[in-house]
Every structure is written in C-alpha cells, then in structure tokens.
Amino acid sequence: MEDSDDLSKALAVLFTAQSGGRPFLATNELTLTELLVAPYREKNDRLIDRYDACTISNDQLEVRPVIRPVLWYAAMLRSKYNSLKTPDAIHVSSALGMQCSHFLTDDQRLADRYELTHERYGTVRGPAIVDVIRPELDVVQQLIEAASR
C-alpha cells in the first residue's frame, strides 16, 4: 500500500479482486496491530486510517477475531515448530482455522509449510496443512487469476 512498484500494484489489484463468492483472502484482527506500528511511529494519520479501513471484512477479505481456539492451535504449532514466534503462530493458526490452503507472507523466517494435528483426549484431528507462499510478482498474478474464477 505504500510503494508503487509492479509488485505493489499487483498486490493492490489482488486486494480488490472480485471473487464472485465468499472472500478470497482472509486474516485476523492481529494484522491491524502489525500494520499500525510504523504509521504510529511516523505519526502518519492518513496511513493509520487507511490500514484501519482495509482490515475490516469486505467482499475480498474476511477478517476474524483472535478467539480462544486460535490461541490453542497457535500453542500447538509453537510446540511443534520451535522457531515460530507467537504472532506468526496466531496468524498460521487463524489460516488453518479458516481452512486456507495458502499463507501469503514476505516473512522469510517462516517455513514453507505448516501442518497441525490436534491430539487430545484420545482424539486425533487433522492434519490441517497450509503452504506458505511469497509475494513475488508471478505468484500474485496467479492469485489474481484464481480470485477471478
């Protein structure tokens, strides 16, 4: 949202792509906290308002609250993936809970795939799997095409 290179333009198209059904993209409300850090540091009210507005559910994006089951699954993920930090585990857990197949991030610290098998009280559920993809121009263009189908 802050840059004007080809990738930024493609991401802007992705975030406004009409999917013709349920939203194509998903996130949780923790995203707002992460987006607002730099604008608050820079005292950029315009960007604060823009990020606030773009993290409300709409036709393209479903934004869910961080609820207790998300936190349970985030803890399970952290127990399995030692390098996964709590905020990232919450995001991955949310993606799994929203039945996302892919997780789009430029965070190179994240693995290429996360798998969650819930084992408790003699019950095994899963595995739930989400593949991590990076925001490269060709990947974003493929996502735009997939959203429009």
Protein backbone atom coordinates (compact mmCIF):
# COMPACT_ATOMS: atom_id res chain seq x y z
CA MET A 1 0.00 0.00 0.00
CA GLU A 2 2.94 2.31 0.49
CA ASP A 3 5.00 1.53 -2.62
CA SER A 4 4.28 1.92 -6.31
CA ASP A 5 6.42 -0.78 -7.93
CA ASP A 6 4.92 -3.56 -10.06
CA LEU A 7 4.55 -5.94 -7.12
CA SER A 8 2.77 -3.31 -5.01
CA LYS A 9 0.41 -2.56 -7.88
CA ALA A 10 -0.33 -6.26 -8.33
CA LEU A 11 -0.99 -6.66 -4.60
CA ALA A 12 -3.41 -3.71 -4.75
CA VAL A 13 -5.26 -5.48 -7.58
CA LEU A 14 -5.33 -8.72 -5.55
CA PHE A 15 -6.84 -6.96 -2.55
CA THR A 16 -9.61 -5.51 -4.70
CA ALA A 17 -10.21 -8.55 -6.93
CA GLN A 18 -13.82 -9.67 -7.10
CA SER A 19 -14.01 -13.36 -6.29
CA GLY A 20 -17.67 -13.85 -7.15
CA GLY A 21 -18.45 -15.66 -3.93
CA ARG A 22 -17.05 -15.72 -0.46
CA PRO A 23 -13.95 -13.59 0.18
CA PHE A 24 -10.80 -14.94 -1.46
CA LEU A 25 -8.46 -13.56 1.21
CA ALA A 26 -8.53 -13.99 4.99
CA THR A 27 -6.73 -12.66 8.03
CA ASN A 28 -7.31 -11.96 11.70
CA GLU A 29 -7.50 -8.75 13.70
CA LEU A 30 -3.89 -9.08 14.88
CA THR A 31 -2.94 -7.89 11.39
CA LEU A 32 -4.16 -4.41 12.30
CA THR A 33 -1.69 -4.20 15.19
CA GLU A 34 1.18 -5.24 12.95
CA LEU A 35 0.21 -2.79 10.22
CA LEU A 36 -0.15 0.20 12.54
CA VAL A 37 3.29 0.15 14.18
CA ALA A 38 5.18 2.13 11.52
CA PRO A 39 2.39 4.66 10.83
CA TYR A 40 2.09 5.39 14.56
CA ARG A 41 5.87 5.72 14.83
CA GLU A 42 5.83 8.14 11.87
CA LYS A 43 2.66 9.90 13.10
CA ASN A 44 1.06 9.21 9.73
CA ASP A 45 -2.68 9.60 10.39
CA ARG A 46 -3.58 9.07 6.73
CA LEU A 47 -1.93 5.65 6.69
CA ILE A 48 -3.36 4.74 10.11
CA ASP A 49 -6.86 5.40 8.78
CA ARG A 50 -6.14 3.55 5.54
CA TYR A 51 -4.89 0.45 7.35
CA ASP A 52 -7.83 0.56 9.72
CA ALA A 53 -10.26 0.70 6.81
CA CYS A 54 -8.59 -2.12 4.86
CA THR A 55 -8.66 -4.54 7.80
CA ILE A 56 -12.44 -4.69 8.01
CA SER A 57 -14.21 -7.64 6.38
CA ASN A 58 -15.47 -6.90 2.88
CA ASP A 59 -16.19 -8.74 -0.38
CA GLN A 60 -12.50 -9.56 -0.89
CA LEU A 61 -11.22 -10.04 2.65
CA GLU A 62 -12.59 -11.89 5.66
CA VAL A 63 -11.19 -10.57 8.95
CA ARG A 64 -11.86 -12.67 12.03
CA PRO A 65 -11.17 -12.02 15.69
CA VAL A 66 -8.50 -13.98 17.51
CA ILE A 67 -10.61 -16.40 19.50
CA ARG A 68 -9.66 -18.98 22.09
CA PRO A 69 -9.39 -21.99 19.71
CA VAL A 70 -6.97 -19.97 17.55
CA LEU A 71 -4.78 -19.50 20.62
CA TRP A 72 -4.95 -23.22 21.46
CA TYR A 73 -3.86 -24.15 17.95
CA ALA A 74 -1.17 -21.45 17.98
CA ALA A 75 0.27 -23.06 21.11
CA MET A 76 0.20 -26.48 19.41
CA LEU A 77 2.00 -25.02 16.40
CA ARG A 78 4.64 -23.41 18.60
CA SER A 79 5.18 -26.73 20.39
CA LYS A 80 5.91 -28.38 17.05
CA TYR A 81 7.76 -25.55 15.27
CA ASN A 82 10.30 -24.15 17.72
CA SER A 83 11.27 -21.12 15.64
CA LEU A 84 7.66 -19.97 15.16
CA LYS A 85 7.01 -16.78 17.14
CA THR A 86 3.67 -16.25 18.89
CA PRO A 87 2.23 -13.63 16.49
CA ASP A 88 3.14 -15.79 13.49
CA ALA A 89 1.68 -18.87 15.18
CA ILE A 90 -1.57 -16.94 15.71
CA HIS A 91 -1.66 -15.98 12.03
CA VAL A 92 -0.93 -19.54 10.85
CA SER A 93 -3.46 -20.93 13.32
CA SER A 94 -6.07 -18.48 12.02
CA ALA A 95 -5.33 -19.52 8.45
CA LEU A 96 -5.75 -23.17 9.37
CA GLY A 97 -8.95 -22.42 11.26
CA MET A 98 -10.34 -20.52 8.28
CA GLN A 99 -9.45 -23.51 6.07
CA CYS A 100 -6.99 -21.51 3.97
CA SER A 101 -4.82 -23.54 1.63
CA HIS A 102 -2.07 -20.92 1.41
CA PHE A 103 -0.48 -18.31 3.62
CA LEU A 104 0.91 -15.23 1.84
CA THR A 105 3.83 -13.59 3.62
CA ASP A 106 7.13 -11.93 2.88
CA ASP A 107 8.49 -13.04 6.25
CA GLN A 108 11.44 -15.22 5.28
CA ARG A 109 11.65 -16.67 8.81
CA LEU A 110 8.51 -18.70 8.21
CA ALA A 111 8.73 -22.25 6.92
CA ASP A 112 7.28 -23.26 3.55
CA ARG A 113 4.54 -25.39 5.13
CA TYR A 114 2.80 -25.82 8.44
CA GLU A 115 0.91 -28.91 9.47
CA LEU A 116 -1.26 -29.20 12.54
CA THR A 117 -2.52 -32.42 14.01
CA HIS A 118 -4.62 -31.93 17.10
CA GLU A 119 -4.17 -34.79 19.54
CA ARG A 120 -6.01 -34.56 22.83
CA TYR A 121 -8.25 -36.74 24.97
CA GLY A 122 -7.59 -39.72 22.72
CA THR A 123 -8.98 -37.85 19.72
CA VAL A 124 -6.84 -37.05 16.72
CA ARG A 125 -7.95 -34.39 14.24
CA GLY A 126 -6.04 -33.37 11.18
CA PRO A 127 -3.71 -32.92 9.74
CA ALA A 128 -4.58 -29.44 8.63
CA ILE A 129 -1.96 -28.08 6.25
CA VAL A 130 -1.21 -24.60 4.96
CA ASP A 131 1.50 -23.86 2.40
CA VAL A 132 3.41 -20.59 2.69
CA ILE A 133 3.79 -18.57 -0.48
CA ARG A 134 5.85 -15.42 -1.00
CA PRO A 135 4.55 -12.22 -2.63
CA GLU A 136 6.51 -12.44 -5.87
CA LEU A 137 5.00 -10.85 -8.96
CA ASP A 138 4.22 -14.12 -10.77
CA VAL A 139 2.67 -15.62 -7.62
CA VAL A 140 0.47 -12.56 -7.04
CA GLN A 141 -0.65 -12.61 -10.68
CA GLN A 142 -1.64 -16.28 -10.30
CA LEU A 143 -3.60 -15.40 -7.17
CA ILE A 144 -5.42 -12.61 -9.04
CA GLU A 145 -6.37 -15.10 -11.76
CA ALA A 146 -7.54 -17.64 -9.17
CA ALA A 147 -9.62 -15.00 -7.38
CA SER A 148 -11.43 -14.07 -10.56
CA ARG A 149 -12.53 -17.66 -11.31
